[in-house]
Amino acid sequence: MVRDTYHHGDLKAVILDRAAALVAERGADGVSLRELARAAGVSHAAPAHHFVDRRGLFTALAAQGWRMLAAALAAARPEFGDAALAYVSFAVQNPGHYAVMFDRSLVDPGNAELVAAREAAGAELAAGVGTLDDRRAAEDPEAAGLAAWALVHGFAMLWLNGAIDTDGDPVATAQRVARMLFGT
């Protein structure tokens, strides 16, 4: 007997895409593996082959998000201003991934894939900060990196949570803010 619901093209990718959309729509608490399986047309046990449980799902989603962010930052090289805009653009365009990436209660923070992806994104952001023409940034690159991350992450969170005017262009607004603080 052939079970149509068992075989699926790329179940892992389908589940991750749908999970990201649902997190963006209603938050992580509103996402279940059973619902994701139903939406993908597979048995309720099928996602467990890829994710084991919700924590595994969200760990994979966060790792995917960090890899996507690293790629966006790498594509924006070499200037900090471009990296800052890429960061904000990523957050605004991928709110489901972004939410899970920064909620350590949802993920296994020691997962090797997650750690590697997060480190890759951090290295890309640091490379952008390294282009700043600022004596203080050159003297203390660690503090400059933290300041830059706080700027782009804080701005993205304010935007995503509707705490600031969200009728404008988030990337253009982030560019104004980055220019104000970093002269980029």
N, C-alpha and C. Protein backbone atom coordinates (compact mmCIF):
# COMPACT_ATOMS: atom_id res chain seq x y z
N MET A 1 0.84 -1.17 0.00
CA MET A 1 0.00 0.00 0.00
C MET A 1 0.90 1.24 0.00
N VAL A 2 0.57 2.22 -0.82
CA VAL A 2 1.32 3.47 -0.91
C VAL A 2 0.59 4.52 -0.10
N ARG A 3 1.34 5.21 0.74
CA ARG A 3 0.75 6.27 1.56
C ARG A 3 1.16 7.61 0.98
N ASP A 4 0.22 8.32 0.36
CA ASP A 4 0.51 9.62 -0.24
C ASP A 4 1.01 10.63 0.79
N THR A 5 0.54 10.52 2.00
CA THR A 5 0.89 11.51 3.00
C THR A 5 2.29 11.33 3.56
N TYR A 6 2.91 10.19 3.32
CA TYR A 6 4.23 9.96 3.90
C TYR A 6 5.32 10.62 3.07
N HIS A 7 5.26 10.48 1.76
CA HIS A 7 6.30 11.02 0.89
C HIS A 7 6.02 12.48 0.58
N HIS A 8 7.02 13.29 0.75
CA HIS A 8 6.88 14.71 0.54
C HIS A 8 8.19 15.21 -0.04
N GLY A 9 8.13 16.19 -0.94
CA GLY A 9 9.34 16.71 -1.58
C GLY A 9 10.42 17.07 -0.59
N ASP A 10 10.27 18.18 0.06
CA ASP A 10 11.25 18.62 1.07
C ASP A 10 10.46 19.04 2.30
N LEU A 11 10.05 18.06 3.06
CA LEU A 11 9.18 18.29 4.21
C LEU A 11 9.82 19.27 5.19
N LYS A 12 11.09 19.15 5.44
CA LYS A 12 11.75 20.04 6.39
C LYS A 12 11.60 21.50 5.97
N ALA A 13 11.85 21.79 4.71
CA ALA A 13 11.74 23.16 4.21
C ALA A 13 10.30 23.66 4.27
N VAL A 14 9.36 22.80 3.92
CA VAL A 14 7.95 23.18 3.96
C VAL A 14 7.52 23.51 5.38
N ILE A 15 7.92 22.66 6.32
CA ILE A 15 7.56 22.88 7.72
C ILE A 15 8.20 24.17 8.24
N LEU A 16 9.47 24.40 7.94
CA LEU A 16 10.14 25.61 8.40
C LEU A 16 9.51 26.87 7.80
N ASP A 17 9.17 26.83 6.52
CA ASP A 17 8.53 27.99 5.89
C ASP A 17 7.19 28.30 6.55
N ARG A 18 6.40 27.26 6.76
CA ARG A 18 5.08 27.45 7.38
C ARG A 18 5.22 27.90 8.83
N ALA A 19 6.17 27.36 9.55
CA ALA A 19 6.40 27.76 10.94
C ALA A 19 6.79 29.24 11.01
N ALA A 20 7.66 29.68 10.12
CA ALA A 20 8.06 31.08 10.11
C ALA A 20 6.86 31.98 9.85
N ALA A 21 6.01 31.59 8.92
CA ALA A 21 4.81 32.38 8.62
C ALA A 21 3.87 32.43 9.82
N LEU A 22 3.68 31.30 10.47
CA LEU A 22 2.78 31.27 11.63
C LEU A 22 3.34 32.06 12.81
N VAL A 23 4.63 31.98 13.04
CA VAL A 23 5.23 32.76 14.13
C VAL A 23 5.04 34.24 13.85
N ALA A 24 5.25 34.66 12.62
CA ALA A 24 5.06 36.06 12.25
C ALA A 24 3.60 36.49 12.44
N GLU A 25 2.70 35.59 12.14
CA GLU A 25 1.27 35.90 12.20
C GLU A 25 0.73 35.92 13.63
N ARG A 26 1.15 34.94 14.45
CA ARG A 26 0.51 34.82 15.77
C ARG A 26 1.44 34.47 16.92
N GLY A 27 2.72 34.46 16.68
CA GLY A 27 3.68 34.17 17.74
C GLY A 27 3.99 32.70 17.85
N ALA A 28 5.09 32.40 18.51
CA ALA A 28 5.56 31.02 18.63
C ALA A 28 4.60 30.15 19.43
N ASP A 29 3.92 30.72 20.41
CA ASP A 29 3.00 29.92 21.21
C ASP A 29 1.85 29.35 20.39
N GLY A 30 1.56 29.97 19.25
CA GLY A 30 0.47 29.52 18.41
C GLY A 30 0.87 28.51 17.36
N VAL A 31 2.04 27.89 17.51
CA VAL A 31 2.54 26.95 16.50
C VAL A 31 2.70 25.57 17.12
N SER A 32 2.14 24.57 16.44
CA SER A 32 2.31 23.19 16.90
C SER A 32 2.79 22.32 15.73
N LEU A 33 3.53 21.30 16.06
CA LEU A 33 3.99 20.36 15.03
C LEU A 33 2.81 19.67 14.37
N ARG A 34 1.79 19.37 15.14
CA ARG A 34 0.61 18.70 14.59
C ARG A 34 -0.06 19.58 13.52
N GLU A 35 -0.20 20.87 13.82
CA GLU A 35 -0.80 21.78 12.85
C GLU A 35 0.08 21.91 11.60
N LEU A 36 1.39 21.97 11.80
CA LEU A 36 2.30 22.08 10.66
C LEU A 36 2.23 20.83 9.79
N ALA A 37 2.12 19.67 10.41
CA ALA A 37 1.98 18.42 9.66
C ALA A 37 0.70 18.43 8.84
N ARG A 38 -0.38 18.85 9.48
CA ARG A 38 -1.67 18.90 8.78
C ARG A 38 -1.58 19.84 7.57
N ALA A 39 -0.97 21.01 7.75
CA ALA A 39 -0.83 21.98 6.65
C ALA A 39 0.03 21.43 5.52
N ALA A 40 1.02 20.59 5.85
CA ALA A 40 1.90 20.00 4.83
C ALA A 40 1.31 18.75 4.21
N GLY A 41 0.19 18.26 4.77
CA GLY A 41 -0.44 17.07 4.23
C GLY A 41 0.28 15.78 4.57
N VAL A 42 0.91 15.75 5.74
CA VAL A 42 1.61 14.55 6.18
C VAL A 42 1.05 14.11 7.53
N SER A 43 1.42 12.93 7.95
CA SER A 43 0.95 12.43 9.25
C SER A 43 1.50 13.31 10.36
N HIS A 44 0.82 13.31 11.50
CA HIS A 44 1.25 14.17 12.60
C HIS A 44 2.62 13.78 13.14
N ALA A 45 3.07 12.57 12.87
CA ALA A 45 4.38 12.12 13.35
C ALA A 45 5.51 12.48 12.38
N ALA A 46 5.19 12.81 11.13
CA ALA A 46 6.23 13.04 10.12
C ALA A 46 7.22 14.16 10.49
N PRO A 47 6.77 15.31 11.00
CA PRO A 47 7.75 16.36 11.33
C PRO A 47 8.76 15.94 12.39
N ALA A 48 8.39 15.00 13.24
CA ALA A 48 9.31 14.54 14.28
C ALA A 48 10.56 13.88 13.71
N HIS A 49 10.48 13.40 12.47
CA HIS A 49 11.67 12.81 11.84
C HIS A 49 12.74 13.86 11.59
N HIS A 50 12.32 15.11 11.47
CA HIS A 50 13.27 16.20 11.22
C HIS A 50 13.56 17.03 12.46
N PHE A 51 12.57 17.16 13.35
CA PHE A 51 12.70 18.12 14.45
C PHE A 51 12.55 17.53 15.85
N VAL A 52 12.12 16.33 16.00
CA VAL A 52 11.88 15.64 17.27
C VAL A 52 10.72 16.28 18.04
N ASP A 53 10.83 17.61 18.33
CA ASP A 53 9.80 18.29 19.11
C ASP A 53 9.78 19.77 18.73
N ARG A 54 8.95 20.56 19.42
CA ARG A 54 8.84 22.00 19.13
C ARG A 54 10.19 22.70 19.32
N ARG A 55 10.91 22.33 20.35
CA ARG A 55 12.21 22.96 20.60
C ARG A 55 13.15 22.70 19.42
N GLY A 56 13.12 21.48 18.90
CA GLY A 56 13.93 21.16 17.73
C GLY A 56 13.50 21.95 16.51
N LEU A 57 12.19 22.11 16.35
CA LEU A 57 11.65 22.92 15.25
C LEU A 57 12.16 24.35 15.35
N PHE A 58 12.02 24.95 16.53
CA PHE A 58 12.41 26.34 16.68
C PHE A 58 13.92 26.52 16.63
N THR A 59 14.67 25.53 17.06
CA THR A 59 16.13 25.59 16.94
C THR A 59 16.52 25.58 15.46
N ALA A 60 15.89 24.72 14.68
CA ALA A 60 16.17 24.67 13.24
C ALA A 60 15.75 25.97 12.56
N LEU A 61 14.60 26.53 12.97
CA LEU A 61 14.12 27.78 12.39
C LEU A 61 15.08 28.93 12.73
N ALA A 62 15.54 28.98 13.97
CA ALA A 62 16.50 30.02 14.37
C ALA A 62 17.82 29.86 13.61
N ALA A 63 18.32 28.64 13.48
CA ALA A 63 19.57 28.42 12.75
C ALA A 63 19.42 28.86 11.29
N GLN A 64 18.28 28.51 10.70
CA GLN A 64 18.03 28.94 9.33
C GLN A 64 18.01 30.47 9.25
N GLY A 65 17.37 31.11 10.21
CA GLY A 65 17.33 32.56 10.24
C GLY A 65 18.71 33.19 10.36
N TRP A 66 19.55 32.65 11.25
CA TRP A 66 20.90 33.17 11.40
C TRP A 66 21.71 33.00 10.11
N ARG A 67 21.52 31.85 9.44
CA ARG A 67 22.23 31.65 8.15
C ARG A 67 21.74 32.66 7.11
N MET A 68 20.45 32.89 7.07
CA MET A 68 19.88 33.87 6.13
C MET A 68 20.41 35.27 6.43
N LEU A 69 20.48 35.61 7.71
CA LEU A 69 21.00 36.92 8.10
C LEU A 69 22.47 37.04 7.71
N ALA A 70 23.26 36.01 7.96
CA ALA A 70 24.68 36.03 7.59
C ALA A 70 24.82 36.25 6.08
N ALA A 71 24.01 35.58 5.30
CA ALA A 71 24.06 35.73 3.84
C ALA A 71 23.68 37.16 3.43
N ALA A 72 22.66 37.71 4.07
CA ALA A 72 22.24 39.08 3.75
C ALA A 72 23.34 40.08 4.10
N LEU A 73 23.99 39.88 5.24
CA LEU A 73 25.08 40.77 5.64
C LEU A 73 26.28 40.62 4.72
N ALA A 74 26.59 39.39 4.32
CA ALA A 74 27.72 39.16 3.40
C ALA A 74 27.46 39.82 2.06
N ALA A 75 26.21 39.76 1.60
CA ALA A 75 25.87 40.37 0.31
C ALA A 75 25.94 41.89 0.37
N ALA A 76 25.88 42.45 1.57
CA ALA A 76 25.88 43.90 1.74
C ALA A 76 27.27 44.49 1.92
N ARG A 77 28.30 43.67 1.88
CA ARG A 77 29.66 44.15 2.10
C ARG A 77 30.00 45.25 1.12
N PRO A 78 30.96 46.09 1.46
CA PRO A 78 31.81 46.02 2.63
C PRO A 78 31.47 47.07 3.70
N GLU A 79 30.59 48.00 3.44
CA GLU A 79 30.39 49.13 4.36
C GLU A 79 29.41 48.82 5.48
N PHE A 80 29.68 49.42 6.67
CA PHE A 80 28.78 49.23 7.80
C PHE A 80 27.37 49.69 7.48
N GLY A 81 27.24 50.82 6.85
CA GLY A 81 25.91 51.34 6.53
C GLY A 81 25.09 50.35 5.74
N ASP A 82 25.72 49.70 4.79
CA ASP A 82 25.02 48.69 3.99
C ASP A 82 24.65 47.47 4.82
N ALA A 83 25.54 47.08 5.73
CA ALA A 83 25.25 45.95 6.61
C ALA A 83 24.10 46.29 7.56
N ALA A 84 24.09 47.51 8.08
CA ALA A 84 23.01 47.94 8.97
C ALA A 84 21.67 47.87 8.26
N LEU A 85 21.65 48.33 7.03
CA LEU A 85 20.40 48.31 6.25
C LEU A 85 19.98 46.88 5.92
N ALA A 86 20.95 46.03 5.62
CA ALA A 86 20.65 44.63 5.34
C ALA A 86 20.06 43.95 6.57
N TYR A 87 20.59 44.28 7.74
CA TYR A 87 20.10 43.70 8.99
C TYR A 87 18.64 44.08 9.21
N VAL A 88 18.35 45.36 9.11
CA VAL A 88 16.98 45.84 9.33
C VAL A 88 16.05 45.26 8.26
N SER A 89 16.49 45.24 7.04
CA SER A 89 15.68 44.68 5.96
C SER A 89 15.38 43.21 6.23
N PHE A 90 16.38 42.45 6.66
CA PHE A 90 16.17 41.04 6.99
C PHE A 90 15.10 40.90 8.06
N ALA A 91 15.23 41.68 9.13
CA ALA A 91 14.28 41.57 10.25
C ALA A 91 12.85 41.88 9.81
N VAL A 92 12.70 42.93 9.01
CA VAL A 92 11.36 43.34 8.58
C VAL A 92 10.76 42.34 7.60
N GLN A 93 11.59 41.75 6.76
CA GLN A 93 11.10 40.80 5.76
C GLN A 93 10.93 39.39 6.31
N ASN A 94 11.54 39.08 7.45
CA ASN A 94 11.50 37.73 8.03
C ASN A 94 11.15 37.77 9.52
N PRO A 95 9.99 38.34 9.85
CA PRO A 95 9.68 38.52 11.28
C PRO A 95 9.52 37.22 12.05
N GLY A 96 9.08 36.15 11.40
CA GLY A 96 8.95 34.86 12.09
C GLY A 96 10.29 34.30 12.49
N HIS A 97 11.23 34.30 11.56
CA HIS A 97 12.59 33.85 11.87
C HIS A 97 13.18 34.74 12.96
N TYR A 98 13.04 36.04 12.76
CA TYR A 98 13.67 37.00 13.65
C TYR A 98 13.19 36.83 15.09
N ALA A 99 11.90 36.62 15.27
CA ALA A 99 11.35 36.44 16.61
C ALA A 99 11.95 35.22 17.30
N VAL A 100 12.08 34.12 16.57
CA VAL A 100 12.59 32.89 17.16
C VAL A 100 14.10 32.98 17.41
N MET A 101 14.81 33.69 16.55
CA MET A 101 16.26 33.82 16.69
C MET A 101 16.65 34.45 18.03
N PHE A 102 15.79 35.29 18.55
CA PHE A 102 16.13 36.03 19.77
C PHE A 102 15.33 35.60 20.98
N ASP A 103 14.67 34.48 20.92
CA ASP A 103 13.94 33.96 22.08
C ASP A 103 14.60 32.66 22.51
N ARG A 104 15.57 32.77 23.40
CA ARG A 104 16.35 31.61 23.83
C ARG A 104 15.49 30.57 24.54
N SER A 105 14.32 30.94 25.03
CA SER A 105 13.46 29.96 25.69
C SER A 105 12.88 28.95 24.71
N LEU A 106 12.92 29.27 23.42
CA LEU A 106 12.34 28.40 22.40
C LEU A 106 13.34 27.40 21.82
N VAL A 107 14.63 27.69 21.95
CA VAL A 107 15.65 26.94 21.22
C VAL A 107 16.60 26.22 22.16
N ASP A 108 17.38 25.32 21.58
CA ASP A 108 18.48 24.68 22.30
C ASP A 108 19.71 25.53 22.02
N PRO A 109 20.10 26.41 22.95
CA PRO A 109 21.19 27.35 22.68
C PRO A 109 22.54 26.68 22.45
N GLY A 110 22.69 25.43 22.85
CA GLY A 110 23.95 24.72 22.65
C GLY A 110 24.00 23.93 21.36
N ASN A 111 22.94 23.94 20.58
CA ASN A 111 22.90 23.20 19.33
C ASN A 111 24.02 23.69 18.41
N ALA A 112 24.85 22.77 17.93
CA ALA A 112 26.04 23.13 17.14
C ALA A 112 25.68 23.90 15.87
N GLU A 113 24.63 23.49 15.19
CA GLU A 113 24.21 24.17 13.96
C GLU A 113 23.78 25.60 14.27
N LEU A 114 23.05 25.77 15.35
CA LEU A 114 22.59 27.10 15.76
C LEU A 114 23.78 27.98 16.14
N VAL A 115 24.68 27.45 16.92
CA VAL A 115 25.85 28.21 17.36
C VAL A 115 26.67 28.65 16.15
N ALA A 116 26.92 27.75 15.22
CA ALA A 116 27.71 28.09 14.03
C ALA A 116 27.03 29.17 13.19
N ALA A 117 25.72 29.06 13.03
CA ALA A 117 24.99 30.04 12.23
C ALA A 117 25.01 31.41 12.91
N ARG A 118 24.83 31.43 14.23
CA ARG A 118 24.85 32.69 14.97
C ARG A 118 26.24 33.32 14.90
N GLU A 119 27.28 32.51 15.02
CA GLU A 119 28.65 33.03 14.94
C GLU A 119 28.95 33.58 13.55
N ALA A 120 28.45 32.93 12.52
CA ALA A 120 28.67 33.41 11.15
C ALA A 120 28.02 34.78 10.95
N ALA A 121 26.80 34.95 11.46
CA ALA A 121 26.13 36.24 11.34
C ALA A 121 26.87 37.30 12.16
N GLY A 122 27.34 36.93 13.33
CA GLY A 122 28.10 37.87 14.16
C GLY A 122 29.39 38.31 13.48
N ALA A 123 30.05 37.38 12.83
CA ALA A 123 31.29 37.71 12.11
C ALA A 123 31.02 38.67 10.96
N GLU A 124 29.91 38.46 10.28
CA GLU A 124 29.55 39.36 9.17
C GLU A 124 29.24 40.76 9.69
N LEU A 125 28.51 40.85 10.79
CA LEU A 125 28.20 42.16 11.36
C LEU A 125 29.49 42.84 11.82
N ALA A 126 30.38 42.08 12.44
CA ALA A 126 31.66 42.63 12.89
C ALA A 126 32.49 43.14 11.70
N ALA A 127 32.43 42.43 10.58
CA ALA A 127 33.16 42.88 9.39
C ALA A 127 32.64 44.23 8.93
N GLY A 128 31.33 44.41 8.99
CA GLY A 128 30.75 45.70 8.63
C GLY A 128 31.19 46.80 9.58
N VAL A 129 31.20 46.50 10.87
CA VAL A 129 31.63 47.47 11.88
C VAL A 129 33.10 47.81 11.66
N GLY A 130 33.88 46.85 11.22
CA GLY A 130 35.31 47.08 10.97
C GLY A 130 35.57 48.11 9.88
N THR A 131 34.58 48.44 9.09
CA THR A 131 34.75 49.44 8.03
C THR A 131 34.50 50.86 8.51
N LEU A 132 34.04 51.00 9.76
CA LEU A 132 33.75 52.34 10.27
C LEU A 132 35.03 53.17 10.34
N ASP A 133 34.93 54.39 9.87
CA ASP A 133 36.06 55.32 9.93
C ASP A 133 35.90 56.16 11.19
N ASP A 134 36.16 55.52 12.31
CA ASP A 134 35.95 56.15 13.61
C ASP A 134 37.06 55.67 14.55
N ARG A 135 37.80 56.60 15.09
CA ARG A 135 38.91 56.27 15.97
C ARG A 135 38.44 55.43 17.16
N ARG A 136 37.32 55.77 17.74
CA ARG A 136 36.82 55.03 18.91
C ARG A 136 36.45 53.60 18.53
N ALA A 137 35.87 53.41 17.35
CA ALA A 137 35.53 52.05 16.90
C ALA A 137 36.79 51.23 16.68
N ALA A 138 37.84 51.86 16.15
CA ALA A 138 39.11 51.15 15.93
C ALA A 138 39.78 50.80 17.25
N GLU A 139 39.64 51.66 18.24
CA GLU A 139 40.26 51.42 19.55
C GLU A 139 39.54 50.32 20.33
N ASP A 140 38.23 50.21 20.15
CA ASP A 140 37.46 49.22 20.90
C ASP A 140 36.42 48.58 19.97
N PRO A 141 36.89 47.69 19.08
CA PRO A 141 35.98 47.09 18.10
C PRO A 141 34.86 46.26 18.75
N GLU A 142 35.14 45.69 19.92
CA GLU A 142 34.10 44.91 20.59
C GLU A 142 32.94 45.82 21.02
N ALA A 143 33.25 46.95 21.61
CA ALA A 143 32.20 47.89 22.01
C ALA A 143 31.50 48.47 20.78
N ALA A 144 32.26 48.74 19.73
CA ALA A 144 31.66 49.27 18.50
C ALA A 144 30.69 48.25 17.90
N GLY A 145 31.08 46.98 17.94
CA GLY A 145 30.20 45.93 17.43
C GLY A 145 28.93 45.82 18.24
N LEU A 146 29.06 45.90 19.56
CA LEU A 146 27.88 45.84 20.42
C LEU A 146 26.97 47.05 20.19
N ALA A 147 27.57 48.22 20.04
CA ALA A 147 26.79 49.43 19.77
C ALA A 147 26.05 49.31 18.44
N ALA A 148 26.73 48.81 17.44
CA ALA A 148 26.11 48.66 16.12
C ALA A 148 24.97 47.65 16.17
N TRP A 149 25.21 46.54 16.85
CA TRP A 149 24.16 45.52 16.95
C TRP A 149 22.97 46.06 17.73
N ALA A 150 23.24 46.78 18.83
CA ALA A 150 22.16 47.36 19.61
C ALA A 150 21.34 48.33 18.75
N LEU A 151 22.02 49.08 17.92
CA LEU A 151 21.33 50.03 17.04
C LEU A 151 20.39 49.29 16.08
N VAL A 152 20.92 48.35 15.32
CA VAL A 152 20.10 47.72 14.30
C VAL A 152 19.04 46.79 14.91
N HIS A 153 19.42 46.07 15.97
CA HIS A 153 18.46 45.17 16.60
C HIS A 153 17.36 45.97 17.29
N GLY A 154 17.76 46.98 18.04
CA GLY A 154 16.78 47.82 18.72
C GLY A 154 15.83 48.48 17.75
N PHE A 155 16.37 49.02 16.68
CA PHE A 155 15.52 49.66 15.67
C PHE A 155 14.56 48.64 15.07
N ALA A 156 15.07 47.47 14.71
CA ALA A 156 14.22 46.43 14.11
C ALA A 156 13.10 46.02 15.07
N MET A 157 13.42 45.84 16.34
CA MET A 157 12.40 45.45 17.31
C MET A 157 11.36 46.54 17.49
N LEU A 158 11.80 47.78 17.57
CA LEU A 158 10.84 48.88 17.69
C LEU A 158 9.91 48.91 16.48
N TRP A 159 10.48 48.72 15.30
CA TRP A 159 9.68 48.74 14.08
C TRP A 159 8.70 47.57 14.05
N LEU A 160 9.20 46.38 14.31
CA LEU A 160 8.34 45.19 14.25
C LEU A 160 7.23 45.22 15.29
N ASN A 161 7.48 45.84 16.43
CA ASN A 161 6.48 45.91 17.49
C ASN A 161 5.58 47.13 17.37
N GLY A 162 5.73 47.90 16.30
CA GLY A 162 4.87 49.06 16.09
C GLY A 162 5.09 50.18 17.09
N ALA A 163 6.25 50.20 17.73
CA ALA A 163 6.54 51.23 18.72
C ALA A 163 6.95 52.56 18.09
N ILE A 164 7.29 52.53 16.81
CA ILE A 164 7.61 53.74 16.07
C ILE A 164 6.77 53.76 14.81
N ASP A 165 6.73 54.89 14.14
CA ASP A 165 5.93 55.04 12.93
C ASP A 165 6.29 53.97 11.91
N THR A 166 5.35 53.12 11.62
CA THR A 166 5.61 52.03 10.67
C THR A 166 4.98 52.30 9.30
N ASP A 167 4.61 53.55 9.05
CA ASP A 167 4.05 53.87 7.75
C ASP A 167 5.12 54.20 6.72
N GLY A 168 6.31 54.53 7.20
CA GLY A 168 7.40 54.87 6.30
C GLY A 168 8.18 53.66 5.86
N ASP A 169 9.35 53.91 5.33
CA ASP A 169 10.26 52.87 4.86
C ASP A 169 11.24 52.55 5.99
N PRO A 170 11.20 51.32 6.52
CA PRO A 170 12.08 51.01 7.65
C PRO A 170 13.56 51.09 7.30
N VAL A 171 13.91 50.73 6.08
CA VAL A 171 15.32 50.76 5.70
C VAL A 171 15.81 52.19 5.58
N ALA A 172 15.00 53.06 4.98
CA ALA A 172 15.39 54.47 4.86
C ALA A 172 15.49 55.11 6.24
N THR A 173 14.58 54.78 7.13
CA THR A 173 14.61 55.33 8.48
C THR A 173 15.84 54.82 9.23
N ALA A 174 16.15 53.53 9.09
CA ALA A 174 17.34 52.97 9.73
C ALA A 174 18.60 53.63 9.18
N GLN A 175 18.60 53.95 7.90
CA GLN A 175 19.75 54.62 7.30
C GLN A 175 19.96 55.99 7.93
N ARG A 176 18.88 56.73 8.14
CA ARG A 176 18.98 58.04 8.80
C ARG A 176 19.56 57.89 10.20
N VAL A 177 19.08 56.88 10.95
CA VAL A 177 19.54 56.67 12.32
C VAL A 177 21.01 56.26 12.33
N ALA A 178 21.39 55.34 11.46
CA ALA A 178 22.79 54.90 11.40
C ALA A 178 23.71 56.05 11.04
N ARG A 179 23.28 56.87 10.12
CA ARG A 179 24.08 58.04 9.71
C ARG A 179 24.26 58.99 10.88
N MET A 180 23.21 59.15 11.66
CA MET A 180 23.25 60.05 12.81
C MET A 180 24.28 59.56 13.85
N LEU A 181 24.29 58.27 14.10
CA LEU A 181 25.15 57.73 15.16
C LEU A 181 26.53 57.31 14.68
N PHE A 182 26.62 56.86 13.44
CA PHE A 182 27.89 56.32 12.96
C PHE A 182 28.48 57.07 11.78
N GLY A 183 27.78 58.10 11.31
CA GLY A 183 28.29 58.89 10.21
C GLY A 183 28.43 58.12 8.91
N THR A 184 27.62 57.04 8.74
CA THR A 184 27.73 56.25 7.52
C THR A 184 26.73 56.70 6.49
